[in-house]
Amino acid sequence: MNNDIYRLLQKHLDKHPIPFPSTKSGIELKLLKSLFTEQEAKIALQLSTLLERPQKIHTRIKDKNLTVITLEKILHRMFKKGAIRAVKDRKNSGKFLFSKMPLAIGMFEAQVDQITKDVAENFYEYEKEGLAEALIGKKTNQMRTIPLNVKIDPEFHVSSYDDITKIIKNSPGPFAVMNCVCRQAKDAMGSSCSKTEIRETCLLLEGGVDFAMNLEVGKEISKDEALKIITQAKKSGFVLQPENNQHPHFVCCCCGCCCGVLTAAKHYDQPAKFLHSNFFADVDPDECSLCEKCLERCPMDALDQVNNHMSVNTDRCIGCGACVPTCKDKAIKLIKKENPTIPPVSDKDMYKKIMVERFGIGGTIKFVAKAAIGQKV
């Protein structure tokens, strides 16, 4: 295969607000080769960050033998492979708009129900070699951590965007659930989840439901069924990671052994600095009997024995609350941080913020200007 094509594609994808960095080993090229044929890679080079009709994309392609009809079929095939983004064209019934898509959150999640051992291994290796640092090191991440429905010090007000029950109850719907691609990836690699055998744990809300329905990888559920999934998450000690805005389109129920975000953050000495969270756990030493059940539940290794009780390392604690429900002594509670972070209102606001942080004001203005006149961005 022609490495030059895939290197050009890597550079093109890296122009997205969500980075796609190069590595010394070139593992990212192996990953791209497993997702795109050479023909598909050439076509992907002509896709913009913004959604466009096939006719618009066709004007950039110099292959005279490739008709718009054939291009549209190839784009649909690429979409079904989870390599690019597609959304139904509201102005043209039965048709789709297409764009390039970041690896995460994007291409990797779109591998749900079809992920192979090669893709899984290449993804996690890429994460170790550069992707994690590029994503988690950013000021604004695509996901944040909110507490399970657990005991929080009563003196603290819990905002609706940090309350999973309120997020679901306040949502008009629709709702859907799909399998966790991270657990499926670990299954493919022969190292299945140590927390649970459950795979249907990824909740989709409102606009996010279209993703699952268009890819045919999820099923619609009721609001009550969505709340039951959260109840199961609490029992299993999962970490709730919604989209990083006040009206999230997805909520991931994650475990520390499979989730790409959590496993990457766990390698840092101070994961609390990289994962957005407004809470941290605290242990009352007078109540703790050292049952050590909290140790089994903590995804960040944030708990240590100090003298005759457990103690929380706040540099590592991400405020997920997984440790709280199984504390028989009721010695653990969540405390709100002194300077909590207010997430962006919407997904559009979130990506605007990410774009400015990555490209600066000048770079963002250039990006918007090119998009306004229909150029590829």
Protein backbone atom coordinates (compact mmCIF):
# COMPACT_ATOMS: atom_id res chain seq x y z
CA MET A 1 0.00 0.00 0.00
CA ASN A 2 1.05 3.57 -0.68
CA ASN A 3 2.19 5.07 2.64
CA ASP A 4 2.19 8.56 1.11
CA ILE A 5 -1.60 8.50 0.70
CA TYR A 6 -2.11 7.50 4.32
CA ARG A 7 0.36 10.10 5.57
CA LEU A 8 -1.55 12.76 3.63
CA LEU A 9 -4.77 11.45 5.18
CA GLN A 10 -3.28 11.60 8.68
CA LYS A 11 -2.29 15.23 8.11
CA HIS A 12 -5.73 16.01 6.72
CA LEU A 13 -7.47 14.44 9.72
CA ASP A 14 -5.12 16.32 12.05
CA LYS A 15 -6.56 19.61 10.73
CA HIS A 16 -9.79 18.75 12.51
CA PRO A 17 -10.32 20.51 15.89
CA ILE A 18 -9.80 17.05 17.43
CA PRO A 19 -6.16 16.09 16.73
CA PHE A 20 -4.87 13.05 14.86
CA PRO A 21 -1.12 13.27 15.63
CA SER A 22 1.75 11.45 13.96
CA THR A 23 4.01 9.09 15.90
CA LYS A 24 7.58 7.87 15.51
CA SER A 25 6.47 4.31 14.84
CA GLY A 26 3.79 5.25 12.32
CA ILE A 27 1.16 3.16 14.12
CA GLU A 28 -1.46 5.68 13.00
CA LEU A 29 -0.83 4.66 9.38
CA LYS A 30 -1.48 1.01 10.21
CA LEU A 31 -4.73 2.06 11.83
CA LEU A 32 -5.78 4.10 8.80
CA LYS A 33 -4.94 1.22 6.45
CA SER A 34 -7.27 -1.02 8.43
CA LEU A 35 -10.11 1.49 8.00
CA PHE A 36 -9.56 2.85 4.46
CA THR A 37 -8.63 1.26 1.13
CA GLU A 38 -6.32 3.40 -1.03
CA GLN A 39 -9.30 4.55 -3.11
CA GLU A 40 -11.24 5.43 0.04
CA ALA A 41 -8.23 7.28 1.46
CA LYS A 42 -8.02 9.39 -1.69
CA ILE A 43 -11.71 10.23 -1.41
CA ALA A 44 -11.41 10.97 2.32
CA LEU A 45 -8.75 13.56 1.46
CA GLN A 46 -11.50 15.53 -0.27
CA LEU A 47 -13.89 15.51 2.66
CA SER A 48 -14.36 18.56 4.82
CA THR A 49 -14.86 18.87 8.58
CA LEU A 50 -18.34 20.17 7.73
CA LEU A 51 -21.08 18.02 6.26
CA GLU A 52 -21.52 18.28 2.47
CA ARG A 53 -23.53 16.68 -0.32
CA PRO A 54 -21.81 14.13 -2.59
CA GLN A 55 -22.13 16.57 -5.52
CA LYS A 56 -20.02 19.13 -3.65
CA ILE A 57 -17.38 16.54 -2.75
CA HIS A 58 -17.32 15.31 -6.34
CA THR A 59 -16.15 18.72 -7.60
CA ARG A 60 -12.83 18.20 -5.76
CA ILE A 61 -12.16 14.73 -7.16
CA LYS A 62 -10.09 14.66 -10.35
CA ASP A 63 -10.95 11.09 -11.38
CA LYS A 64 -13.05 11.53 -14.53
CA ASN A 65 -14.20 7.91 -14.37
CA LEU A 66 -15.80 8.39 -10.95
CA THR A 67 -19.42 9.53 -11.28
CA VAL A 68 -21.43 11.21 -8.55
CA ILE A 69 -23.59 8.08 -8.24
CA THR A 70 -20.56 5.83 -7.79
CA LEU A 71 -19.00 8.29 -5.34
CA GLU A 72 -22.18 8.31 -3.28
CA LYS A 73 -22.12 4.50 -3.07
CA ILE A 74 -18.47 4.55 -1.93
CA LEU A 75 -19.21 7.22 0.68
CA HIS A 76 -22.06 5.08 2.06
CA ARG A 77 -19.71 2.10 2.22
CA MET A 78 -17.13 4.18 4.09
CA PHE A 79 -19.82 5.36 6.49
CA LYS A 80 -20.99 1.82 7.22
CA LYS A 81 -17.35 0.88 7.89
CA GLY A 82 -17.24 3.63 10.51
CA ALA A 83 -14.57 5.58 8.61
CA ILE A 84 -16.48 8.81 7.92
CA ARG A 85 -19.50 10.68 9.24
CA ALA A 86 -22.92 10.72 7.55
CA VAL A 87 -26.13 12.51 8.49
CA LYS A 88 -29.49 12.43 6.75
CA ASP A 89 -30.05 15.40 4.44
CA ARG A 90 -33.20 17.08 5.77
CA LYS A 91 -33.62 19.02 2.53
CA ASN A 92 -33.32 15.96 0.30
CA SER A 93 -35.27 12.93 1.52
CA GLY A 94 -33.40 9.63 1.36
CA LYS A 95 -30.03 11.30 0.83
CA PHE A 96 -27.07 11.84 3.18
CA LEU A 97 -24.48 14.53 3.89
CA PHE A 98 -20.88 13.39 4.49
CA SER A 99 -17.77 14.67 6.25
CA LYS A 100 -14.49 13.42 7.64
CA MET A 101 -14.57 12.29 11.26
CA PRO A 102 -12.05 12.37 14.10
CA LEU A 103 -10.73 9.08 15.42
CA ALA A 104 -12.12 9.71 18.89
CA ILE A 105 -14.88 10.45 19.51
CA GLY A 106 -15.74 9.22 16.03
CA MET A 107 -14.18 6.43 13.96
CA PHE A 108 -13.32 4.24 16.93
CA GLU A 109 -16.82 4.41 18.41
CA ALA A 110 -18.27 3.71 14.94
CA GLN A 111 -16.46 0.34 14.99
CA VAL A 112 -19.03 -0.90 17.50
CA ASP A 113 -20.36 -4.38 16.62
CA GLN A 114 -17.74 -4.76 13.88
CA ILE A 115 -14.38 -4.07 15.55
CA THR A 116 -11.55 -6.43 14.63
CA LYS A 117 -8.52 -7.53 16.62
CA ASP A 118 -6.19 -5.53 14.34
CA VAL A 119 -8.18 -2.30 14.69
CA ALA A 120 -8.45 -2.74 18.46
CA GLU A 121 -4.73 -3.44 18.93
CA ASN A 122 -3.67 -0.61 16.64
CA PHE A 123 -5.99 1.84 18.38
CA TYR A 124 -4.73 1.09 21.90
CA GLU A 125 -1.12 1.17 20.70
CA TYR A 126 -1.74 4.52 19.02
CA GLU A 127 -3.29 5.75 22.24
CA LYS A 128 -0.10 4.88 24.12
CA GLU A 129 2.21 6.44 21.55
CA GLY A 130 0.57 9.82 21.08
CA LEU A 131 -3.20 9.97 20.81
CA ALA A 132 -3.89 10.01 24.56
CA GLU A 133 -1.49 12.88 25.17
CA ALA A 134 -3.04 14.87 22.32
CA LEU A 135 -6.60 14.34 23.52
CA ILE A 136 -6.36 14.28 27.31
CA GLY A 137 -3.79 17.06 27.48
CA LYS A 138 -6.20 19.56 25.93
CA LYS A 139 -7.83 22.22 28.09
CA THR A 140 -11.31 21.15 27.02
CA ASN A 141 -12.01 17.46 26.52
CA GLN A 142 -14.92 15.88 24.68
CA MET A 143 -16.03 14.02 27.80
CA ARG A 144 -16.22 14.76 31.51
CA THR A 145 -16.88 12.77 34.65
CA ILE A 146 -20.03 13.19 36.74
CA PRO A 147 -20.99 11.34 39.92
CA LEU A 148 -23.10 8.22 40.14
CA ASN A 149 -26.28 8.70 42.16
CA VAL A 150 -24.34 8.60 45.44
CA LYS A 151 -24.02 10.46 48.72
CA ILE A 152 -22.71 13.99 48.31
CA ASP A 153 -22.05 16.29 51.24
CA PRO A 154 -25.43 17.98 51.81
CA GLU A 155 -23.90 21.45 52.07
CA PHE A 156 -23.05 21.37 48.36
CA HIS A 157 -25.49 22.16 45.58
CA VAL A 158 -25.36 19.70 42.69
CA SER A 159 -26.00 21.41 39.36
CA SER A 160 -28.34 19.71 36.91
CA TYR A 161 -25.46 19.07 34.46
CA ASP A 162 -23.69 17.06 37.19
CA ASP A 163 -26.81 15.06 38.09
CA ILE A 164 -27.32 12.09 35.77
CA THR A 165 -30.94 11.56 36.87
CA LYS A 166 -31.83 15.16 36.06
CA ILE A 167 -30.01 14.98 32.71
CA ILE A 168 -32.14 12.00 31.67
CA LYS A 169 -35.42 13.19 33.20
CA ASN A 170 -35.05 16.68 31.68
CA SER A 171 -34.29 15.29 28.24
CA PRO A 172 -37.22 15.19 25.79
CA GLY A 173 -35.70 12.12 24.14
CA PRO A 174 -35.54 10.00 22.13
CA PHE A 175 -33.20 7.60 23.91
CA ALA A 176 -31.17 4.66 22.65
CA VAL A 177 -28.53 2.25 23.90
CA MET A 178 -25.69 0.57 22.05
CA ASN A 179 -22.84 -1.73 22.93
CA CYS A 180 -19.62 -0.41 24.46
CA VAL A 181 -16.97 -0.47 21.74
CA CYS A 182 -14.17 -0.37 24.33
CA ARG A 183 -15.34 -3.64 25.90
CA GLN A 184 -15.85 -5.14 22.45
CA ALA A 185 -12.28 -4.10 21.57
CA LYS A 186 -10.95 -5.84 24.66
CA ASP A 187 -13.02 -8.91 23.77
CA ALA A 188 -11.43 -8.92 20.31
CA MET A 189 -7.98 -8.66 21.89
CA GLY A 190 -8.64 -11.58 24.23
CA SER A 191 -8.66 -9.53 27.44
CA SER A 192 -12.34 -9.16 28.26
CA CYS A 193 -13.71 -6.76 30.87
CA SER A 194 -13.05 -7.75 34.48
CA LYS A 195 -15.99 -5.68 35.76
CA THR A 196 -18.97 -6.95 33.83
CA GLU A 197 -20.29 -9.15 31.05
CA ILE A 198 -22.80 -6.45 30.12
CA ARG A 199 -22.05 -4.69 26.82
CA GLU A 200 -25.15 -2.53 26.26
CA THR A 201 -24.09 0.42 28.41
CA CYS A 202 -23.65 3.39 26.07
CA LEU A 203 -26.62 5.74 26.34
CA LEU A 204 -27.59 8.07 23.51
CA LEU A 205 -29.91 11.03 23.94
CA GLU A 206 -31.75 13.27 21.50
CA GLY A 207 -29.51 14.06 18.50
CA GLY A 208 -27.07 11.33 19.45
CA VAL A 209 -29.68 8.67 18.72
CA ASP A 210 -29.33 9.32 14.98
CA PHE A 211 -25.74 8.06 15.11
CA ALA A 212 -26.83 4.63 16.33
CA MET A 213 -29.93 4.42 14.16
CA ASN A 214 -28.12 5.40 10.93
CA LEU A 215 -25.35 2.89 11.61
CA GLU A 216 -27.91 0.29 12.75
CA VAL A 217 -25.93 -0.41 15.92
CA GLY A 218 -28.36 0.54 18.66
CA LYS A 219 -31.93 0.20 19.80
CA GLU A 220 -34.38 2.81 21.01
CA ILE A 221 -35.36 2.62 24.68
CA SER A 222 -37.69 4.49 27.02
CA LYS A 223 -36.69 7.09 29.59
CA ASP A 224 -37.34 4.55 32.36
CA GLU A 225 -35.08 2.02 30.64
CA ALA A 226 -32.34 4.66 30.42
CA LEU A 227 -32.63 5.26 34.16
CA LYS A 228 -32.39 1.51 34.81
CA ILE A 229 -29.08 1.43 32.92
CA ILE A 230 -27.79 4.10 35.30
CA THR A 231 -28.94 2.04 38.27
CA GLN A 232 -26.99 -0.91 36.88
CA ALA A 233 -23.98 1.36 36.37
CA LYS A 234 -24.06 2.24 40.06
CA LYS A 235 -24.17 -1.44 41.06
CA SER A 236 -21.29 -2.27 38.73
CA GLY A 237 -19.13 0.66 39.83
CA PHE A 238 -18.95 2.22 36.37
CA VAL A 239 -17.73 5.76 35.74
CA LEU A 240 -20.30 8.05 34.11
CA GLN A 241 -18.74 10.05 31.28
CA PRO A 242 -21.20 12.22 29.36
CA GLU A 243 -20.38 14.50 26.46
CA ASN A 244 -18.74 17.60 27.90
CA ASN A 245 -21.68 20.01 27.76
CA GLN A 246 -24.85 20.78 29.68
CA HIS A 247 -27.13 18.89 27.28
CA PRO A 248 -25.10 15.79 26.34
CA HIS A 249 -26.02 13.57 23.41
CA PHE A 250 -24.34 10.54 24.98
CA VAL A 251 -23.42 9.14 28.38
CA CYS A 252 -20.79 6.40 28.55
CA CYS A 253 -20.84 3.96 31.47
CA CYS A 254 -17.14 3.16 31.68
CA CYS A 255 -14.81 0.84 33.55
CA GLY A 256 -11.19 1.38 34.40
CA CYS A 257 -10.00 -1.76 32.61
CA CYS A 258 -11.48 -1.13 29.14
CA CYS A 259 -12.29 2.55 28.61
CA GLY A 260 -9.67 4.22 26.41
CA VAL A 261 -10.00 7.55 28.25
CA LEU A 262 -9.70 6.07 31.74
CA THR A 263 -6.88 3.64 30.93
CA ALA A 264 -4.93 6.47 29.32
CA ALA A 265 -5.51 8.87 32.20
CA LYS A 266 -4.55 6.20 34.72
CA HIS A 267 -0.96 6.25 33.45
CA TYR A 268 -0.58 9.89 34.55
CA ASP A 269 0.51 10.74 38.10
CA GLN A 270 -2.30 13.29 38.41
CA PRO A 271 -5.27 12.14 36.31
CA ALA A 272 -7.56 14.56 38.18
CA LYS A 273 -5.84 17.39 36.30
CA PHE A 274 -6.77 15.96 32.92
CA LEU A 275 -10.31 14.65 33.37
CA HIS A 276 -13.04 17.24 33.92
CA SER A 277 -14.84 16.66 37.21
CA ASN A 278 -16.38 18.91 39.86
CA PHE A 279 -16.06 16.50 42.79
CA PHE A 280 -13.61 14.41 44.77
CA ALA A 281 -14.06 11.68 47.36
CA ASP A 282 -13.30 12.11 51.04
CA VAL A 283 -12.97 9.47 53.77
CA ASP A 284 -13.95 10.04 57.39
CA PRO A 285 -11.09 8.29 59.26
CA ASP A 286 -13.20 7.82 62.38
CA GLU A 287 -15.82 5.82 60.46
CA CYS A 288 -13.56 3.76 58.18
CA SER A 289 -13.05 0.12 59.26
CA LEU A 290 -10.58 -0.74 56.48
CA CYS A 291 -12.87 -3.16 54.66
CA GLU A 292 -10.99 -2.14 51.47
CA LYS A 293 -14.02 -2.60 49.21
CA CYS A 294 -13.35 0.91 47.87
CA LEU A 295 -9.98 -0.27 46.56
CA GLU A 296 -11.68 -2.78 44.29
CA ARG A 297 -14.03 -0.13 42.88
CA CYS A 298 -11.65 2.78 42.27
CA PRO A 299 -10.72 3.08 38.56
CA MET A 300 -7.83 5.47 39.22
CA ASP A 301 -5.99 3.82 42.13
CA ALA A 302 -6.79 6.92 44.17
CA LEU A 303 -7.20 5.18 47.53
CA ASP A 304 -4.40 4.19 49.91
CA GLN A 305 -4.21 2.90 53.45
CA VAL A 306 -2.89 5.52 55.87
CA ASN A 307 -2.45 4.39 59.47
CA ASN A 308 -5.73 2.64 60.33
CA HIS A 309 -8.01 4.02 57.61
CA MET A 310 -8.28 4.63 53.89
CA SER A 311 -7.25 7.98 52.44
CA VAL A 312 -7.99 9.62 49.08
CA ASN A 313 -5.22 10.90 46.82
CA THR A 314 -6.98 13.94 45.34
CA ASP A 315 -4.43 14.14 42.50
CA ARG A 316 -5.78 10.82 41.28
CA CYS A 317 -9.44 11.01 42.33
CA ILE A 318 -11.80 11.95 39.47
CA GLY A 319 -14.92 12.26 41.61
CA CYS A 320 -16.84 9.44 39.93
CA GLY A 321 -18.32 8.16 43.19
CA ALA A 322 -17.74 4.48 42.38
CA CYS A 323 -16.26 3.98 45.85
CA VAL A 324 -19.29 5.34 47.75
CA PRO A 325 -22.11 2.75 47.35
CA THR A 326 -20.18 -0.25 48.70
CA CYS A 327 -18.79 1.48 51.80
CA LYS A 328 -20.63 -0.38 54.57
CA ASP A 329 -19.41 2.16 57.14
CA LYS A 330 -20.75 5.09 55.09
CA ALA A 331 -17.35 6.66 55.62
CA ILE A 332 -16.97 8.00 52.06
CA LYS A 333 -18.76 10.95 50.52
CA LEU A 334 -18.21 13.26 47.58
CA ILE A 335 -17.22 16.87 48.07
CA LYS A 336 -17.61 19.62 45.51
CA LYS A 337 -14.42 21.36 44.38
CA GLU A 338 -13.90 24.99 45.40
CA ASN A 339 -13.78 26.15 41.79
CA PRO A 340 -16.14 23.92 39.81
CA THR A 341 -16.09 24.03 36.04
CA ILE A 342 -19.25 24.98 34.19
CA PRO A 343 -19.38 22.94 30.96
CA PRO A 344 -20.30 24.56 27.63
CA VAL A 345 -24.03 24.79 27.04
CA SER A 346 -24.17 22.70 23.85
CA ASP A 347 -22.00 20.43 21.71
CA LYS A 348 -21.51 23.29 19.25
CA ASP A 349 -20.24 25.54 22.06
CA MET A 350 -17.94 22.76 23.21
CA TYR A 351 -16.35 22.29 19.78
CA LYS A 352 -16.00 26.05 19.31
CA LYS A 353 -14.09 26.19 22.58
CA ILE A 354 -11.90 23.24 21.57
CA MET A 355 -11.20 24.90 18.22
CA VAL A 356 -10.13 28.20 19.74
CA GLU A 357 -7.89 26.41 22.24
CA ARG A 358 -6.23 24.42 19.48
CA PHE A 359 -5.99 26.93 16.62
CA GLY A 360 -6.19 30.26 18.44
CA ILE A 361 -8.52 33.11 17.54
CA GLY A 362 -6.75 33.80 14.23
CA GLY A 363 -6.75 30.17 13.15
CA THR A 364 -10.39 29.79 14.09
CA ILE A 365 -11.37 32.87 12.06
CA LYS A 366 -9.54 31.43 9.03
CA PHE A 367 -11.29 28.10 9.52
CA VAL A 368 -14.73 29.73 9.72
CA ALA A 369 -14.00 31.99 6.73
CA LYS A 370 -12.99 29.05 4.52
CA ALA A 371 -16.06 27.12 5.59
CA ALA A 372 -18.30 30.13 4.86
CA ILE A 373 -17.23 30.20 1.21
CA GLY A 374 -17.57 26.44 0.80
CA GLN A 375 -13.89 25.51 0.90
CA LYS A 376 -12.66 22.25 2.36
CA VAL A 377 -11.61 22.58 6.01
